[in-house]
């Protein structure tokens, strides 16, 4: 995905990463001086050879050969040492900068609200955290150092060329001057292609991620070949873009290689004429040509260094697109402290709508009022789309209310730090997400300091004793997203995770939907013990789940339209009877109007 707004130039964009690179700057700067020193030493070698060549017709030239040989050898060794020093200086700091950028990006992703992750493909985020940051590290350690050093070398080299003879220097400068125009046009066109390439790589990563996570569905419907074709087309588009990039770089390299060679050829022709005219010595012409040869690499390198710089600029843009994303759900400047949470949860005139929802569309939650007393359990039921799950997500500020307030023990949850708020409220979702970690680590995710007894009790309440039969018991590592387990097993571990946290408020979004009838009954019996001391908001998709609660809240069109005991609502509320009759073991049905 790309952003169409106007972007700042290369320098302004790249400068944004330097606050993250402060610790590396001293060694990077020293690396630049080391690279520049190597180039200047290389430029000095022709000066010694110039004197030797001009002395060929003089008596005693033999005495100059060995001193010049050892001097040039020493300069060559010193140049190689400077190159080695440059590499040693810059390689390690770049890795620390990359690690710092990656940690900052990950922390930001953890801080961004669920609404952000609902919109952004995971592959785009993954490519930013890996490929883009790697580009920035290579540019900082290699591209920036050589771009500065080679640029200074070219300027110094041009001055040296003029010192041999102003006519030769002018000829060389005039012929290579068009390279600046070519470089400017390259920068303008290459940036668009580089951005497209990196976005396409992100889309490709998203395709891989979705295919791996959805492999069971693809195999079940026999759509593997279809997805392979789709992936191949996307990969072909990326290949096409990469080839276009390579073509642009190779065209620039052609100009950077041919034009300096043309300048040398013309300078050689004019130099011979100047020698004949007595205005130039043979040694000076030879030194001029050798100096131009030394400048060949810095000039040639400008092509790939410029492309690397533009790639890095694009990577920095993509990195800061995430970092600049407003969190929207922030901690208060002066958070309130809660010593002990009783668990009174109140929704007061709560409205909610997604930010990108059309203006004419009504609020998804349209004035919800609901109060749960400490230790009270309330079942929330209604037809699909009435806002049940959205309401539960507001309790932990996964989403922020559009208007109204959610309070716990009389304190607006926006006045609490999110970390503290979420330590008092635990959630178990219908779609149980587990991590690639051990059973123990998954269950104790919200309570890492819990005792072994707490762990066993949570597993017992969730009827998750099956974990003891796994190859390594509680230390068995669950595969990615827990897909090695059945749906019911995943749900029971997710429920155990919520119970182990021992929250003041427990929010359950139909966490028993994948369980068989017998297991569900055992879990419900065990949960009743927990719910006696815990405030609970339970989204019910089955009539049996309603039996867990002290009372029932009926949602309709984004509002709570009735609250009471199950038996009372059955007797007095027609819509409630319709909803109850629509619920079955498979879930709920959509209301037909």
Protein backbone atom coordinates (compact mmCIF):
# COMPACT_ATOMS: atom_id res chain seq x y z
CA UNK A 1 0.00 0.00 0.00
CA UNK A 2 1.37 3.41 -0.92
CA UNK A 3 0.72 6.90 0.30
CA UNK A 4 -0.10 9.51 -2.30
CA UNK A 5 0.71 12.64 -0.31
CA UNK A 6 3.66 14.75 -1.39
CA UNK A 7 6.94 13.58 0.14
CA UNK A 8 9.98 15.61 1.22
CA UNK A 9 13.30 15.26 -0.61
CA UNK A 10 15.96 12.62 -0.07
CA UNK A 11 18.01 14.57 2.47
CA UNK A 12 15.08 15.64 4.67
CA UNK A 13 13.64 12.13 4.62
CA UNK A 14 16.91 10.38 5.42
CA UNK A 15 17.73 12.84 8.20
CA UNK A 16 14.75 11.48 10.13
CA UNK A 17 16.63 8.32 11.07
CA UNK A 18 19.60 10.12 12.61
CA UNK A 19 18.01 10.50 16.06
CA UNK A 20 18.02 6.68 16.05
CA UNK A 21 21.65 6.62 14.80
CA UNK A 22 23.25 9.03 17.28
CA UNK A 23 25.30 6.33 18.97
CA UNK A 24 26.61 5.10 15.60
CA UNK A 25 27.47 8.52 14.17
CA UNK A 26 31.00 8.82 15.64
CA UNK A 27 32.11 5.56 14.05
CA UNK A 28 30.26 6.30 10.81
CA UNK A 29 32.03 9.68 10.58
CA UNK A 30 35.37 8.02 11.30
CA UNK A 31 34.49 5.49 8.61
CA UNK A 32 33.92 8.33 6.15
CA UNK A 33 37.34 9.79 6.99
CA UNK A 34 38.93 6.36 6.59
CA UNK A 35 37.30 5.89 3.17
CA UNK A 36 38.28 9.42 2.16
CA UNK A 37 41.82 8.79 3.39
CA UNK A 38 42.06 5.68 1.20
CA UNK A 39 40.92 7.67 -1.85
CA UNK A 40 43.30 10.56 -1.18
CA UNK A 41 46.19 8.13 -0.80
CA UNK A 42 45.23 6.63 -4.17
CA UNK A 43 45.24 10.15 -5.67
CA UNK A 44 48.72 10.74 -4.25
CA UNK A 45 50.30 7.77 -6.04
CA UNK A 46 50.24 9.38 -9.54
CA UNK A 47 52.14 12.36 -8.11
CA UNK A 48 55.15 10.14 -7.26
CA UNK A 49 54.99 8.40 -10.63
CA UNK A 50 54.91 11.76 -12.36
CA UNK A 51 58.37 12.66 -11.03
CA UNK A 52 59.77 9.25 -11.96
CA UNK A 53 58.49 9.45 -15.55
CA UNK A 54 59.77 13.00 -16.02
CA UNK A 55 63.21 11.87 -14.78
CA UNK A 56 63.67 9.10 -17.38
CA UNK A 57 65.83 11.28 -19.64
CA UNK A 58 67.95 12.53 -16.74
CA UNK A 59 71.14 11.09 -15.33
CA UNK A 60 70.72 9.08 -12.13
CA UNK A 61 67.12 8.02 -12.77
CA UNK A 62 68.04 4.57 -11.47
CA UNK A 63 68.38 6.05 -8.00
CA UNK A 64 64.72 7.12 -8.08
CA UNK A 65 63.24 3.76 -9.06
CA UNK A 66 63.58 1.95 -5.73
CA UNK A 67 62.54 4.85 -3.50
CA UNK A 68 59.50 5.43 -5.74
CA UNK A 69 58.71 1.69 -5.72
CA UNK A 70 58.79 1.45 -1.93
CA UNK A 71 56.87 4.71 -1.55
CA UNK A 72 54.10 3.54 -3.88
CA UNK A 73 54.07 0.12 -2.16
CA UNK A 74 53.76 1.80 1.24
CA UNK A 75 50.94 4.02 -0.03
CA UNK A 76 49.16 0.98 -1.46
CA UNK A 77 49.41 -0.90 1.85
CA UNK A 78 48.24 2.21 3.71
CA UNK A 79 45.28 2.54 1.32
CA UNK A 80 44.28 -1.10 1.90
CA UNK A 81 44.61 -0.56 5.66
CA UNK A 82 42.29 2.44 5.48
CA UNK A 83 39.74 0.37 3.55
CA UNK A 84 39.93 -2.36 6.18
CA UNK A 85 39.60 0.26 8.94
CA UNK A 86 36.55 1.73 7.23
CA UNK A 87 34.82 -1.63 7.12
CA UNK A 88 35.66 -2.36 10.77
CA UNK A 89 34.36 1.01 11.88
CA UNK A 90 30.97 1.00 10.16
CA UNK A 91 29.73 -2.60 10.06
CA UNK A 92 28.90 -3.15 13.75
CA UNK A 93 27.18 0.21 14.50
CA UNK A 94 24.80 -0.30 11.57
CA UNK A 95 23.51 -3.54 13.07
CA UNK A 96 22.78 -1.79 16.38
CA UNK A 97 20.89 0.97 14.55
CA UNK A 98 18.87 -1.63 12.66
CA UNK A 99 18.04 -3.44 15.90
CA UNK A 100 16.99 -0.17 17.52
CA UNK A 101 14.76 0.74 14.59
CA UNK A 102 13.20 -2.72 14.62
CA UNK A 103 12.52 -2.57 18.37
CA UNK A 104 10.98 0.88 17.98
CA UNK A 105 8.76 -0.33 15.13
CA UNK A 106 7.64 -3.39 17.08
CA UNK A 107 6.86 -1.31 20.15
CA UNK A 108 4.82 1.07 17.99
CA UNK A 109 2.91 -1.84 16.44
CA UNK A 110 2.08 -3.07 19.94
CA UNK A 111 0.90 0.42 20.90
CA UNK A 112 -1.25 1.06 17.83
CA UNK A 113 -4.96 0.31 18.26
CA UNK A 114 -6.75 -2.69 16.83
CA UNK A 115 -8.35 -0.40 14.23
CA UNK A 116 -4.90 0.13 12.67
CA UNK A 117 -4.21 -3.60 12.43
CA UNK A 118 -7.67 -4.15 10.96
CA UNK A 119 -6.63 -2.05 7.95
CA UNK A 120 -2.95 -2.86 7.42
CA UNK A 121 -1.92 -6.14 5.75
CA UNK A 122 0.49 -8.09 7.92
CA UNK A 123 2.88 -8.63 5.02
CA UNK A 124 3.33 -4.87 4.60
CA UNK A 125 4.29 -4.57 8.26
CA UNK A 126 6.57 -7.60 8.03
CA UNK A 127 8.42 -6.21 5.00
CA UNK A 128 8.96 -2.92 6.83
CA UNK A 129 10.36 -4.70 9.88
CA UNK A 130 12.78 -6.83 7.85
CA UNK A 131 13.54 -5.79 4.27
CA UNK A 132 13.22 -2.02 4.71
CA UNK A 133 15.26 -1.84 7.91
CA UNK A 134 17.95 -3.99 6.31
CA UNK A 135 18.12 -1.47 3.43
CA UNK A 136 18.54 1.38 5.92
CA UNK A 137 21.32 -0.48 7.75
CA UNK A 138 23.23 -1.20 4.51
CA UNK A 139 22.91 2.40 3.40
CA UNK A 140 24.06 3.79 6.74
CA UNK A 141 27.04 1.40 6.93
CA UNK A 142 28.02 1.41 3.28
CA UNK A 143 26.02 3.75 1.04
CA UNK A 144 26.28 6.92 3.14
CA UNK A 145 29.98 6.42 3.91
CA UNK A 146 31.00 5.88 0.30
CA UNK A 147 28.61 8.46 -1.12
CA UNK A 148 30.21 11.20 1.00
CA UNK A 149 33.77 9.92 0.61
CA UNK A 150 33.46 9.35 -3.14
CA UNK A 151 31.77 12.71 -3.66
CA UNK A 152 34.59 14.55 -1.86
CA UNK A 153 37.15 12.47 -3.77
CA UNK A 154 35.63 13.51 -7.10
CA UNK A 155 35.81 17.18 -6.12
CA UNK A 156 39.42 16.88 -4.89
CA UNK A 157 40.31 14.83 -7.96
CA UNK A 158 38.93 17.52 -10.26
CA UNK A 159 41.11 20.09 -8.52
CA UNK A 160 44.13 17.82 -8.97
CA UNK A 161 43.29 17.39 -12.67
CA UNK A 162 43.23 21.18 -13.10
CA UNK A 163 46.64 21.37 -11.39
CA UNK A 164 48.22 19.40 -14.23
CA UNK A 165 46.89 21.78 -16.88
CA UNK A 166 43.78 23.96 -16.91
CA UNK A 167 42.89 22.98 -20.49
CA UNK A 168 42.86 19.25 -19.63
CA UNK A 169 40.87 19.92 -16.46
CA UNK A 170 38.32 22.06 -18.32
CA UNK A 171 37.87 19.44 -21.05
CA UNK A 172 37.31 16.72 -18.48
CA UNK A 173 34.88 18.85 -16.48
CA UNK A 174 32.80 19.92 -19.52
CA UNK A 175 32.46 16.35 -20.80
CA UNK A 176 31.43 14.85 -17.44
CA UNK A 177 29.11 17.75 -16.48
CA UNK A 178 26.03 16.14 -18.13
CA UNK A 179 26.29 13.36 -15.52
CA UNK A 180 24.73 15.76 -13.00
CA UNK A 181 21.65 16.20 -15.20
CA UNK A 182 21.46 12.45 -15.82
CA UNK A 183 21.72 11.79 -12.08
CA UNK A 184 18.95 14.28 -11.30
CA UNK A 185 16.57 12.66 -13.80
CA UNK A 186 17.49 9.22 -12.49
CA UNK A 187 16.64 10.22 -8.94
CA UNK A 188 13.27 11.65 -9.96
CA UNK A 189 12.18 8.53 -11.87
CA UNK A 190 13.84 5.82 -9.79
CA UNK A 191 12.09 6.78 -6.54
CA UNK A 192 8.64 5.90 -7.90
CA UNK A 193 9.84 2.53 -9.14
CA UNK A 194 11.69 1.78 -5.89
CA UNK A 195 8.55 2.57 -3.86
CA UNK A 196 6.43 0.37 -6.11
CA UNK A 197 8.91 -2.49 -5.73
CA UNK A 198 8.93 -2.33 -1.93
CA UNK A 199 5.13 -2.12 -1.76
CA UNK A 200 4.82 -5.11 -4.10
CA UNK A 201 7.26 -7.05 -1.91
CA UNK A 202 5.02 -6.27 1.07
CA UNK A 203 1.94 -7.49 -0.80
CA UNK A 204 3.78 -10.67 -1.73
CA UNK A 205 4.69 -11.26 1.92
CA UNK A 206 1.02 -10.80 2.80
CA UNK A 207 0.07 -13.45 0.22
CA UNK A 208 2.53 -15.92 1.73
CA UNK A 209 1.32 -15.20 5.27
CA UNK A 210 -2.35 -15.63 4.32
CA UNK A 211 -1.69 -18.81 2.36
CA UNK A 212 0.26 -20.40 5.22
CA UNK A 213 -2.37 -19.50 7.82
CA UNK A 214 -5.18 -20.57 5.53
CA UNK A 215 -3.53 -23.74 4.23
CA UNK A 216 -6.27 -25.99 5.65
CA UNK A 217 -8.99 -24.02 3.88
CA UNK A 218 -7.07 -23.97 0.59
CA UNK A 219 -6.49 -27.69 0.73
CA UNK A 220 -10.06 -28.42 1.77
CA UNK A 221 -11.46 -26.52 -1.21
CA UNK A 222 -8.74 -27.61 -3.62
CA UNK A 223 -7.71 -24.02 -4.32
CA UNK A 224 -3.97 -24.50 -3.97
CA UNK A 225 -3.39 -24.19 -7.72
CA UNK A 226 -5.52 -21.05 -7.86
CA UNK A 227 -3.52 -19.38 -5.07
CA UNK A 228 -0.27 -20.51 -6.69
CA UNK A 229 -1.29 -18.83 -9.95
CA UNK A 230 -2.29 -15.70 -8.08
CA UNK A 231 1.03 -15.68 -6.23
CA UNK A 232 2.94 -16.28 -9.47
CA UNK A 233 1.26 -13.28 -11.11
CA UNK A 234 2.11 -11.06 -8.14
CA UNK A 235 5.69 -12.38 -8.15
CA UNK A 236 5.90 -11.71 -11.89
CA UNK A 237 4.79 -8.11 -11.33
CA UNK A 238 7.48 -7.71 -8.68
CA UNK A 239 10.04 -9.26 -11.02
CA UNK A 240 8.96 -6.84 -13.75
CA UNK A 241 9.42 -3.90 -11.40
CA UNK A 242 12.81 -5.17 -10.21
CA UNK A 243 13.93 -5.57 -13.83
CA UNK A 244 12.79 -2.02 -14.51
CA UNK A 245 14.87 -0.87 -11.54
CA UNK A 246 17.87 -2.83 -12.79
CA UNK A 247 17.42 -1.35 -16.26
CA UNK A 248 17.38 2.18 -14.88
CA UNK A 249 20.51 1.54 -12.81
CA UNK A 250 22.33 -0.14 -15.70
CA UNK A 251 21.50 2.81 -17.98
CA UNK A 252 22.96 5.18 -15.40
CA UNK A 253 26.03 2.96 -15.08
CA UNK A 254 26.47 3.08 -18.85
CA UNK A 255 26.64 6.87 -18.80
CA UNK A 256 28.88 6.86 -15.74
CA UNK A 257 31.28 4.43 -17.42
CA UNK A 258 31.30 5.78 -20.99
CA UNK A 259 31.34 9.53 -20.40
CA UNK A 260 34.46 9.57 -18.15
CA UNK A 261 36.22 7.27 -20.64
CA UNK A 262 35.31 9.69 -23.43
CA UNK A 263 36.69 12.55 -21.34
CA UNK A 264 39.96 10.64 -20.83
CA UNK A 265 40.22 9.94 -24.56
CA UNK A 266 39.76 13.56 -25.53
CA UNK A 267 42.14 14.68 -22.76
CA UNK A 268 44.76 12.21 -24.03
CA UNK A 269 44.51 13.61 -27.57
CA UNK A 270 44.77 17.22 -26.37
CA UNK A 271 47.53 16.26 -23.89
CA UNK A 272 49.73 14.89 -26.67
CA UNK A 273 49.28 18.16 -28.54
CA UNK A 274 50.22 20.13 -25.39
CA UNK A 275 53.37 17.99 -24.98
CA UNK A 276 54.37 18.72 -28.55
CA UNK A 277 53.76 22.41 -27.90
CA UNK A 278 55.95 22.26 -24.79
CA UNK A 279 53.12 23.19 -22.43
CA UNK A 280 52.98 19.79 -20.68
CA UNK A 281 55.44 17.08 -19.68
CA UNK A 282 54.99 13.40 -20.37
CA UNK A 283 54.96 12.72 -16.63
CA UNK A 284 52.20 15.29 -16.09
CA UNK A 285 50.04 13.69 -18.81
CA UNK A 286 50.65 10.22 -17.39
CA UNK A 287 49.78 11.46 -13.89
CA UNK A 288 46.63 13.11 -15.32
CA UNK A 289 45.53 9.83 -16.90
CA UNK A 290 46.34 7.83 -13.75
CA UNK A 291 44.41 10.34 -11.62
CA UNK A 292 41.43 10.05 -14.00
CA UNK A 293 41.68 6.26 -13.61
CA UNK A 294 41.60 6.64 -9.82
CA UNK A 295 38.45 8.78 -10.20
CA UNK A 296 36.85 6.12 -12.38
CA UNK A 297 35.67 4.02 -9.41
CA UNK A 298 34.19 6.95 -7.45
CA UNK A 299 32.35 8.08 -10.58
CA UNK A 300 31.18 4.58 -11.44
CA UNK A 301 30.00 4.01 -7.88
CA UNK A 302 27.71 7.05 -7.93
CA UNK A 303 25.16 4.99 -9.89
CA UNK A 304 24.58 2.21 -7.38
CA UNK A 305 25.19 4.51 -4.40
CA UNK A 306 22.49 6.85 -5.69
CA UNK A 307 20.09 3.94 -6.24
CA UNK A 308 20.90 2.61 -2.75
CA UNK A 309 20.26 6.06 -1.29
CA UNK A 310 16.87 6.29 -3.00
CA UNK A 311 15.99 2.76 -1.86
CA UNK A 312 16.94 3.79 1.68
CA UNK A 313 14.86 6.96 1.37
CA UNK A 314 11.86 4.86 0.35
CA UNK A 315 12.50 2.47 3.25
CA UNK A 316 12.65 5.41 5.67
CA UNK A 317 9.34 6.71 4.25
CA UNK A 318 7.68 3.34 4.77
CA UNK A 319 9.14 3.02 8.29
CA UNK A 320 7.82 6.41 9.36
CA UNK A 321 4.42 5.80 7.78
CA UNK A 322 3.90 3.39 10.65
CA UNK A 323 5.76 5.42 13.27
CA UNK A 324 3.81 8.59 12.40
CA UNK A 325 0.47 6.79 12.63
CA UNK A 326 -1.45 8.35 15.53
CA UNK A 327 -2.20 5.90 18.32
CA UNK A 328 -5.54 7.54 19.08
CA UNK A 329 -5.87 5.55 22.31
CA UNK A 330 -3.36 7.23 24.60
CA UNK A 331 -2.53 7.00 28.26
CA UNK A 332 -3.61 10.04 30.30
CA UNK A 333 -1.01 12.66 31.25
CA UNK A 334 -1.85 12.21 34.93
CA UNK A 335 -3.28 8.70 35.29
CA UNK A 336 -5.36 7.81 38.30
CA UNK A 337 -4.21 5.05 40.59
CA UNK A 338 -6.50 2.26 41.79
CA UNK A 339 -5.37 0.34 44.87
CA UNK A 340 -8.08 -2.29 44.72
CA UNK A 341 -10.64 -2.87 41.98
CA UNK A 342 -14.04 -4.09 43.11
CA UNK A 343 -15.26 -4.73 39.58
CA UNK A 344 -18.20 -2.38 39.05
CA UNK A 345 -18.37 -1.92 35.28
CA UNK A 346 -20.62 0.78 33.81
CA UNK A 347 -21.35 1.78 30.22
CA UNK A 348 -22.88 5.30 30.13
CA UNK A 349 -24.53 6.47 26.91
CA UNK A 350 -21.81 4.76 24.88
CA UNK A 351 -21.66 5.56 21.17
CA UNK A 352 -19.20 4.03 18.75
CA UNK A 353 -18.56 4.27 15.02
CA UNK A 354 -15.51 3.45 12.92
CA UNK A 355 -13.55 6.48 11.78
CA UNK A 356 -13.92 5.67 8.10
CA UNK A 357 -17.66 4.90 8.34
CA UNK A 358 -19.88 6.96 5.96
CA UNK A 359 -21.46 10.01 7.60
CA UNK A 360 -24.96 8.82 6.79
CA UNK A 361 -24.38 5.45 8.47
CA UNK A 362 -25.76 5.28 12.05
CA UNK A 363 -23.47 4.57 14.99
CA UNK A 364 -22.69 0.90 15.49
CA UNK A 365 -23.32 1.47 19.20
CA UNK A 366 -26.03 4.08 19.66
CA UNK A 367 -26.32 5.05 23.31
CA UNK A 368 -25.60 1.87 25.28
CA UNK A 369 -26.31 2.00 29.01
CA UNK A 370 -25.38 -1.03 31.09
CA UNK A 371 -24.24 -1.53 34.68
CA UNK A 372 -22.56 -4.62 36.13
CA UNK A 373 -22.21 -4.72 39.91
CA UNK A 374 -19.14 -6.32 41.53
CA UNK A 375 -19.39 -10.10 41.30
CA UNK A 376 -22.37 -9.92 38.93
CA UNK A 377 -22.42 -11.77 35.62
CA UNK A 378 -24.40 -10.47 32.65
CA UNK A 379 -25.03 -12.35 29.42
CA UNK A 380 -25.13 -10.15 26.34
CA UNK A 381 -27.23 -11.52 23.48
CA UNK A 382 -28.61 -10.28 20.20
CA UNK A 383 -28.64 -11.01 16.47
CA UNK A 384 -25.47 -10.82 14.41
CA UNK A 385 -24.27 -7.27 13.81
CA UNK A 386 -26.04 -5.67 16.76
CA UNK A 387 -22.71 -4.66 18.37
CA UNK A 388 -22.09 -7.26 21.10
CA UNK A 389 -18.44 -7.95 20.35
CA UNK A 390 -17.72 -4.27 19.75
CA UNK A 391 -19.11 -3.41 23.17
CA UNK A 392 -16.85 -5.95 24.90
CA UNK A 393 -13.80 -4.54 23.05
CA UNK A 394 -14.49 -1.08 24.48
CA UNK A 395 -14.04 -2.32 28.05
CA UNK A 396 -10.28 -2.77 27.57
CA UNK A 397 -9.92 0.14 25.11
CA UNK A 398 -9.13 -2.10 22.17
CA UNK A 399 -11.33 0.50 20.51
CA UNK A 400 -12.14 3.95 21.90
CA UNK A 401 -15.70 5.12 22.50
CA UNK A 402 -16.86 7.80 20.07
CA UNK A 403 -18.84 9.45 22.86
CA UNK A 404 -20.10 8.52 26.31
CA UNK A 405 -17.90 6.68 28.79
CA UNK A 406 -16.96 3.31 30.22
CA UNK A 407 -16.20 3.31 33.95
CA UNK A 408 -14.72 0.81 36.34
CA UNK A 409 -15.42 1.48 40.01
CA UNK A 410 -16.59 4.95 39.05
CA UNK A 411 -13.35 5.88 37.24
CA UNK A 412 -13.44 6.58 33.51
CA UNK A 413 -11.17 3.96 31.94
CA UNK A 414 -9.57 6.75 29.88
CA UNK A 415 -8.14 8.09 33.16
CA UNK A 416 -6.20 4.86 33.73
CA UNK A 417 -3.02 3.65 32.10
CA UNK A 418 -3.91 1.05 29.51
CA UNK A 419 -1.51 -1.44 31.08
CA UNK A 420 -3.15 -1.05 34.48
CA UNK A 421 -6.66 -1.19 33.01
CA UNK A 422 -5.90 -4.41 31.18
CA UNK A 423 -4.42 -5.93 34.32
CA UNK A 424 -7.88 -5.67 35.89
CA UNK A 425 -9.88 -6.93 32.89
CA UNK A 426 -9.20 -10.20 31.08
CA UNK A 427 -10.77 -11.34 27.82
CA UNK A 428 -11.37 -14.69 26.17
CA UNK A 429 -12.34 -14.47 22.51
CA UNK A 430 -14.36 -16.84 20.38
CA UNK A 431 -11.47 -16.97 17.91
CA UNK A 432 -8.83 -18.28 20.31
CA UNK A 433 -5.35 -17.06 19.38
CA UNK A 434 -2.39 -18.93 20.79
CA UNK A 435 1.29 -18.17 20.31
CA UNK A 436 4.21 -20.30 19.22
CA UNK A 437 5.31 -20.98 22.78
CA UNK A 438 4.81 -23.60 25.48
CA UNK A 439 1.42 -24.39 27.02
CA UNK A 440 2.64 -22.85 30.27
CA UNK A 441 3.70 -19.59 28.57
CA UNK A 442 0.40 -19.33 26.71
CA UNK A 443 -1.79 -19.87 29.77
CA UNK A 444 0.26 -17.55 31.99
CA UNK A 445 0.54 -14.80 29.38
CA UNK A 446 -1.52 -12.42 31.51
CA UNK A 447 -0.09 -13.61 34.83
CA UNK A 448 3.60 -14.51 34.37
CA UNK A 449 4.16 -14.52 38.13
CA UNK A 450 1.31 -16.94 38.88
CA UNK A 451 2.05 -20.04 40.92
CA UNK A 452 1.95 -23.60 39.69
CA UNK A 453 -1.23 -24.08 41.70
CA UNK A 454 -2.87 -21.11 39.93
CA UNK A 455 -1.91 -22.65 36.60
CA UNK A 456 -3.37 -26.04 37.47
CA UNK A 457 -6.57 -24.47 38.79
CA UNK A 458 -7.06 -22.42 35.59
CA UNK A 459 -6.55 -25.51 33.44
CA UNK A 460 -9.01 -27.46 35.59
CA UNK A 461 -11.71 -24.78 35.32
CA UNK A 462 -11.27 -24.67 31.54
CA UNK A 463 -11.34 -28.50 31.38
CA UNK A 464 -7.94 -28.35 29.64
CA UNK A 465 -6.39 -31.39 31.34
CA UNK A 466 -5.57 -32.72 27.87
CA UNK A 467 -2.32 -30.71 28.09
CA UNK A 468 -0.85 -33.25 30.50
CA UNK A 469 -1.08 -35.88 27.76
CA UNK A 470 0.92 -33.79 25.28
CA UNK A 471 4.49 -35.00 24.54
CA UNK A 472 6.13 -32.59 27.01
CA UNK A 473 3.09 -31.78 29.11
CA UNK A 474 2.95 -28.12 30.13
CA UNK A 475 6.28 -27.53 28.40
CA UNK A 476 5.02 -28.72 25.03
CA UNK A 477 5.56 -26.01 22.45
CA UNK A 478 2.38 -25.18 20.59
CA UNK A 479 2.73 -24.57 16.86
CA UNK A 480 2.00 -21.23 15.25
CA UNK A 481 -1.47 -19.97 16.30
CA UNK A 482 -2.03 -23.32 18.02
CA UNK A 483 -3.19 -24.93 14.79
CA UNK A 484 -1.76 -28.26 15.93
CA UNK A 485 -4.64 -28.36 18.44
CA UNK A 486 -8.35 -28.70 17.79
CA UNK A 487 -10.65 -25.69 17.92
CA UNK A 488 -12.08 -26.81 21.24
CA UNK A 489 -8.62 -27.32 22.75
CA UNK A 490 -7.54 -23.85 21.65
CA UNK A 491 -10.66 -22.31 23.18
CA UNK A 492 -10.10 -24.08 26.48
CA UNK A 493 -6.51 -22.87 26.69
CA UNK A 494 -7.64 -19.33 25.86
CA UNK A 495 -10.25 -19.55 28.61
CA UNK A 496 -7.64 -20.88 31.04
CA UNK A 497 -5.44 -17.91 30.11
CA UNK A 498 -8.24 -15.47 31.05
CA UNK A 499 -9.01 -17.31 34.31
CA UNK A 500 -5.33 -17.53 35.32
CA UNK A 501 -5.07 -13.74 35.20
CA UNK A 502 -7.52 -13.54 38.13
CA UNK A 503 -9.09 -10.32 36.86
CA UNK A 504 -11.64 -8.18 38.63
CA UNK A 505 -13.67 -8.18 35.42
CA UNK A 506 -13.87 -11.11 33.02
CA UNK A 507 -15.09 -10.55 29.46
CA UNK A 508 -16.03 -13.72 27.57
CA UNK A 509 -16.89 -13.46 23.88
CA UNK A 510 -18.58 -16.82 23.36
CA UNK A 511 -15.47 -18.78 24.42
CA UNK A 512 -17.26 -22.15 24.42
CA UNK A 513 -18.56 -22.23 20.85
CA UNK A 514 -16.15 -24.98 19.70
CA UNK A 515 -16.78 -27.32 22.66
CA UNK A 516 -18.92 -30.43 22.58
CA UNK A 517 -22.02 -30.49 24.78
CA UNK A 518 -20.51 -32.60 27.58
CA UNK A 519 -17.29 -30.56 27.82
CA UNK A 520 -19.26 -27.32 27.66
CA UNK A 521 -21.40 -28.45 30.60
CA UNK A 522 -18.30 -29.26 32.68
CA UNK A 523 -16.69 -25.92 31.83
CA UNK A 524 -19.87 -24.06 32.72
CA UNK A 525 -20.11 -25.83 36.08
CA UNK A 526 -16.48 -24.91 36.87
CA UNK A 527 -16.95 -21.34 35.66
CA UNK A 528 -19.84 -20.76 38.05
CA UNK A 529 -17.34 -20.98 40.91
CA UNK A 530 -15.12 -18.36 39.30
CA UNK A 531 -17.99 -16.06 38.39
CA UNK A 532 -19.21 -15.86 42.01
CA UNK A 533 -16.25 -13.60 42.85
CA UNK A 534 -15.74 -11.97 39.46
CA UNK A 535 -17.71 -9.42 37.48
CA UNK A 536 -18.38 -11.01 34.10
CA UNK A 537 -19.71 -9.79 30.76
CA UNK A 538 -20.50 -12.81 28.60
CA UNK A 539 -21.41 -12.65 24.92
CA UNK A 540 -23.80 -15.56 24.50
CA UNK A 541 -24.31 -17.34 21.21
CA UNK A 542 -25.96 -20.42 22.70
CA UNK A 543 -28.88 -20.76 25.12
CA UNK A 544 -26.71 -22.81 27.49
CA UNK A 545 -24.28 -19.91 27.87
CA UNK A 546 -27.11 -17.67 29.04
CA UNK A 547 -27.54 -19.97 32.03
CA UNK A 548 -24.13 -18.91 33.34
CA UNK A 549 -25.26 -15.34 33.98
CA UNK A 550 -27.19 -13.68 36.79
CA UNK A 551 -29.12 -11.62 34.28
CA UNK A 552 -29.35 -11.03 30.54
CA UNK A 553 -28.94 -7.83 28.49
CA UNK A 554 -30.64 -7.81 25.09
CA UNK A 555 -28.95 -5.77 22.33
CA UNK A 556 -30.89 -4.53 19.34
CA UNK A 557 -29.71 -2.04 16.70
CA UNK A 558 -26.77 -0.88 18.82
CA UNK A 559 -28.73 -0.38 22.05
CA UNK A 560 -29.58 -2.32 25.19
CA UNK A 561 -33.35 -2.68 24.85
CA UNK A 562 -34.05 -5.00 27.78
CA UNK A 563 -32.34 -6.25 30.93
CA UNK A 564 -33.58 -8.93 33.26
CA UNK A 565 -33.62 -12.58 34.17
CA UNK A 566 -33.82 -15.10 31.38
CA UNK A 567 -37.24 -16.39 32.45
CA UNK A 568 -38.70 -12.88 32.78
CA UNK A 569 -37.48 -11.78 29.36
CA UNK A 570 -38.84 -14.96 27.78
CA UNK A 571 -42.22 -14.14 29.18
CA UNK A 572 -42.32 -10.42 28.35
CA UNK A 573 -40.07 -9.65 25.35
CA UNK A 574 -40.95 -10.82 21.85
CA UNK A 575 -37.59 -9.93 20.32
CA UNK A 576 -35.81 -11.81 23.11
CA UNK A 577 -37.86 -14.91 22.35
CA UNK A 578 -36.93 -14.53 18.67
CA UNK A 579 -33.22 -14.29 19.48
CA UNK A 580 -33.29 -17.26 21.88
CA UNK A 581 -35.14 -19.37 19.33
CA UNK A 582 -32.54 -18.42 16.71
CA UNK A 583 -29.61 -19.60 18.80
CA UNK A 584 -28.39 -23.14 18.39
CA UNK A 585 -25.22 -25.12 18.80
CA UNK A 586 -23.74 -23.57 15.68
CA UNK A 587 -24.11 -19.97 16.83
CA UNK A 588 -26.54 -17.21 16.00
CA UNK A 589 -28.51 -16.36 12.88
CA UNK A 590 -28.92 -13.03 11.18
CA UNK A 591 -32.26 -11.37 11.71
CA UNK A 592 -34.47 -11.35 8.61
CA UNK A 593 -36.47 -8.17 8.25
